[in-house]
Protein backbone atom coordinates (compact mmCIF):
# COMPACT_ATOMS: atom_id res chain seq x y z
CA MET A 1 51.63 5.07 -64.39
CA SER A 2 51.61 6.63 -61.17
CA ILE A 3 48.22 8.21 -61.21
CA ARG A 4 46.92 4.41 -62.75
CA ARG A 5 48.00 3.09 -59.67
CA THR A 6 46.83 6.10 -57.43
CA ALA A 7 43.25 5.71 -59.63
CA ARG A 8 42.92 1.50 -58.80
CA THR A 9 43.82 1.91 -54.96
CA ARG A 10 41.25 4.51 -54.24
CA ARG A 11 38.90 1.98 -56.51
CA ALA A 12 40.46 -1.05 -54.18
CA VAL A 13 39.40 1.55 -51.17
CA ALA A 14 35.75 2.16 -52.06
CA ALA A 15 34.90 -1.42 -52.81
CA VAL A 16 36.22 -2.55 -49.47
CA SER A 17 34.34 0.52 -47.80
CA MET A 18 31.37 -0.64 -49.75
CA THR A 19 31.75 -4.29 -48.54
CA ALA A 20 31.58 -3.31 -44.86
CA ALA A 21 28.90 -1.07 -45.12
CA LEU A 22 27.24 -3.96 -46.87
CA ALA A 23 28.30 -6.43 -44.23
CA LEU A 24 26.81 -3.88 -41.56
CA ALA A 25 23.47 -3.64 -43.27
CA VAL A 26 23.14 -7.39 -43.14
CA THR A 27 23.84 -7.83 -39.51
CA ALA A 28 21.46 -4.94 -38.95
CA CYS A 29 18.71 -6.76 -40.61
CA GLY A 30 19.53 -10.24 -39.54
CA SER A 31 18.78 -8.88 -35.85
CA ASP A 32 15.42 -7.23 -36.87
CA ASP A 33 12.87 -9.65 -36.85
CA GLY A 34 10.33 -7.79 -38.56
CA GLY A 35 8.51 -7.03 -34.92
CA LYS A 36 7.99 -10.80 -34.50
CA THR A 37 10.15 -10.70 -31.35
CA LYS A 38 8.11 -10.07 -28.13
CA ASP A 39 8.87 -7.20 -25.90
CA PRO A 40 10.55 -9.07 -22.57
CA VAL A 41 7.94 -7.07 -20.18
CA SER A 42 4.70 -7.35 -22.62
CA SER A 43 5.30 -11.29 -23.04
CA SER A 44 5.75 -11.39 -18.91
CA SER A 45 2.47 -8.94 -18.83
CA SER A 46 0.56 -11.43 -20.84
CA SER A 47 1.29 -14.51 -19.58
CA THR A 48 -0.10 -13.11 -15.86
CA PRO A 49 -3.18 -13.42 -14.83
CA ASN A 50 -4.52 -9.92 -15.08
CA LYS A 51 -4.84 -8.67 -11.46
CA PRO A 52 -7.29 -6.05 -10.14
CA SER A 53 -5.95 -2.45 -9.95
CA ASP A 54 -6.85 -0.97 -6.97
CA GLY A 55 -5.28 1.87 -5.59
CA ASP A 56 -6.84 1.86 -2.09
CA LYS A 57 -6.61 -1.94 -1.97
CA GLY A 58 -2.37 -1.11 -2.77
CA ALA A 59 -2.36 1.75 -0.10
CA GLN A 60 -3.70 -1.07 2.48
CA GLU A 61 -1.25 -3.42 1.78
CA ASP A 62 1.75 -1.05 1.57
CA THR A 63 0.63 -0.03 5.11
CA ALA A 64 0.30 -3.55 6.56
CA ALA A 65 3.61 -4.61 4.97
CA GLY A 66 5.40 -0.76 6.05
CA ASP A 67 8.06 -0.37 8.42
CA LYS A 68 7.20 -1.47 11.76
CA VAL A 69 6.01 0.98 14.51
CA ASP A 70 8.42 1.20 18.00
CA PRO A 71 6.08 -0.25 20.29
CA ASN A 72 7.77 1.62 23.08
CA VAL A 73 6.11 5.03 21.55
CA LYS A 74 2.84 5.22 23.07
CA LEU A 75 0.53 8.02 21.95
CA ALA A 76 -2.51 7.10 23.82
CA GLU A 77 -4.26 4.12 25.00
CA ALA A 78 -8.03 3.73 25.53
CA ARG A 79 -9.53 0.81 27.60
CA GLY A 80 -12.27 -1.28 26.52
CA GLU A 81 -14.42 -4.24 27.71
CA LYS A 82 -13.67 -7.69 29.29
CA ASP A 83 -10.15 -5.94 29.98
CA MET A 84 -9.12 -4.95 27.02
CA LEU A 85 -6.63 -2.19 26.14
CA LEU A 86 -6.08 -0.18 22.89
CA VAL A 87 -2.55 1.17 22.20
CA VAL A 88 -2.20 3.73 19.89
CA ASN A 89 1.65 4.05 18.49
CA GLU A 90 1.35 6.13 15.77
CA VAL A 91 -1.18 8.33 13.67
CA LYS A 92 0.42 9.68 10.52
CA ARG A 93 -0.98 12.27 7.91
CA ASP A 94 0.06 10.36 4.42
CA SER A 95 0.86 12.21 0.92
CA GLY A 96 -1.82 10.09 -0.71
CA GLY A 97 -4.64 12.37 1.42
CA PHE A 98 -5.23 9.86 4.58
CA VAL A 99 -4.14 9.28 7.80
CA THR A 100 -3.13 5.67 8.90
CA VAL A 101 -3.44 5.01 12.72
CA GLN A 102 -1.34 2.04 14.22
CA GLY A 103 -1.54 0.38 17.24
CA GLU A 104 -2.26 -2.69 19.12
CA LEU A 105 -4.79 -4.64 21.37
CA LYS A 106 -4.07 -6.20 24.61
CA ASN A 107 -5.76 -8.75 26.20
CA GLN A 108 -5.45 -7.80 30.20
CA GLY A 109 -7.65 -10.18 31.28
CA ASP A 110 -8.20 -13.73 31.91
CA ALA A 111 -10.24 -14.85 29.13
CA ALA A 112 -9.79 -14.87 25.24
CA VAL A 113 -11.99 -11.98 23.71
CA ASN A 114 -13.76 -12.16 20.23
CA PRO A 115 -13.06 -9.21 17.89
CA SER A 116 -16.48 -9.38 16.02
CA ALA A 117 -18.12 -6.16 17.55
CA TRP A 118 -14.87 -3.94 16.32
CA ALA A 119 -16.09 -4.04 13.21
CA GLY A 120 -19.07 -2.21 14.33
CA SER A 121 -22.72 -2.09 13.04
CA GLU A 122 -22.88 -0.37 9.73
CA SER A 123 -23.93 -4.02 7.97
CA THR A 124 -22.07 -3.34 4.70
CA ILE A 125 -18.80 -3.19 6.52
CA VAL A 126 -19.33 -6.01 8.63
CA SER A 127 -20.36 -8.27 5.94
CA LYS A 128 -17.11 -7.46 4.14
CA ASN A 129 -14.98 -7.08 6.93
CA LEU A 130 -15.70 -9.67 9.95
CA ASN A 131 -13.04 -9.51 12.60
CA SER A 132 -12.09 -6.61 11.82
CA VAL A 133 -11.56 -2.56 13.54
CA GLY A 134 -13.61 -1.51 10.27
CA GLY A 135 -15.77 0.23 12.83
CA ALA A 136 -13.09 2.73 13.94
CA THR A 137 -13.93 6.29 13.47
CA LEU A 138 -11.85 9.91 13.67
CA VAL A 139 -13.48 13.42 15.03
CA ASP A 140 -12.46 16.62 13.84
CA LYS A 141 -14.28 18.26 16.89
CA ALA A 142 -12.76 21.78 15.41
CA GLY A 143 -13.91 20.92 12.15
CA LYS A 144 -17.17 19.52 13.51
CA LYS A 145 -16.97 16.14 11.19
CA ARG A 146 -16.33 12.29 11.33
CA TYR A 147 -14.13 10.32 9.49
CA TYR A 148 -15.24 6.87 8.86
CA ILE A 149 -12.32 4.22 7.56
CA LEU A 150 -11.66 3.79 3.64
CA ARG A 151 -12.87 1.17 2.20
CA ASP A 152 -11.95 -0.08 -1.34
CA THR A 153 -14.21 -0.84 -4.63
CA ASP A 154 -15.36 -4.10 -3.42
CA GLY A 155 -16.05 -2.81 0.34
CA ARG A 156 -13.16 -3.61 2.17
CA CYS A 157 -12.16 -1.83 4.84
CA LEU A 158 -7.96 -0.49 4.63
CA CYS A 159 -7.42 -2.10 8.33
CA THR A 160 -6.97 -4.90 9.81
CA THR A 161 -9.04 -7.64 9.13
CA GLY A 162 -9.25 -11.67 9.99
CA MET A 163 -8.76 -11.15 13.19
CA SER A 164 -8.66 -14.24 15.88
CA ALA A 165 -10.09 -13.87 19.26
CA VAL A 166 -7.12 -12.35 21.11
CA GLN A 167 -5.68 -14.77 24.22
CA PRO A 168 -5.35 -13.54 27.48
CA GLY A 169 -1.93 -11.77 27.96
CA LYS A 170 -1.57 -11.34 24.16
CA SER A 171 -1.09 -8.56 21.92
CA VAL A 172 -2.18 -7.99 18.25
CA PRO A 173 -1.35 -5.16 16.22
CA VAL A 174 -3.64 -3.28 14.06
CA PHE A 175 -4.07 -0.73 11.79
CA MET A 176 -6.85 1.74 10.36
CA GLN A 177 -6.87 4.20 7.37
CA PHE A 178 -9.16 7.67 7.58
CA PRO A 179 -9.48 10.28 4.85
CA ALA A 180 -7.28 12.78 5.88
CA PRO A 181 -8.49 15.74 7.85
CA PRO A 182 -7.45 19.23 6.97
CA SER A 183 -3.70 20.13 7.49
CA THR A 184 -4.87 22.49 10.17
CA THR A 185 -5.89 19.79 12.03
CA THR A 186 -3.85 18.19 14.16
CA GLU A 187 -5.58 16.59 16.77
CA VAL A 188 -8.43 14.03 16.34
CA ASP A 189 -10.65 11.80 18.69
CA LEU A 190 -10.47 8.15 17.59
CA SER A 191 -13.18 5.52 18.44
CA LEU A 192 -13.13 1.86 18.46
CA PRO A 193 -16.35 0.16 19.54
CA THR A 194 -16.41 -1.42 23.00
CA PHE A 195 -13.37 1.04 23.96
CA ALA A 196 -12.97 4.73 25.27
CA THR A 197 -12.70 7.42 22.90
CA THR A 198 -9.11 8.76 23.28
CA SER A 199 -7.22 12.06 21.32
CA VAL A 200 -4.77 11.74 19.22
CA LYS A 201 -2.24 13.90 17.45
CA ILE A 202 -1.34 13.69 14.12
CA SER A 203 2.14 13.67 13.19
CA GLY A 204 3.57 14.04 9.22
């Protein structure tokens, strides 16, 4: 009698275990819609208009929105026409293989100064970068090489663009990105149209 009860008990336990397993399987199947549920990331991507992927442009935007440069740090100054002054606050070598120059343009005169001349004379740069500092260059005298401002695939310079006339007594922050000279080069000459050339040291 005890043996029969034991057998029935074992069969009951097995039945309960089987029922639990089936319930778990049904629950799992209920959450699987056969791939019909959209991945949240994919759905978001498909509903957002495609934007051009441009590494250079991204570098430009990152720099423009990056940490503020201390205006009290002055690596160099260059005087320009119409009482303009270029103050260089930072010249930094970045891991991406470029050098970023940051500073400000100060109008120390009595009349507004149009920025059009600072874009340089190269037609490709001027047509894409009106009112910019796209005409700036770096010169590695030791390596005997001149570096021009980087441009994205649309020909836009990686520099400050869309500038308005600089009013008397006002300052305008600017940045420029160049290909990086060799790591052994620690000092270069910075030139901007209508300004005197000035030597600056590269950090980083």
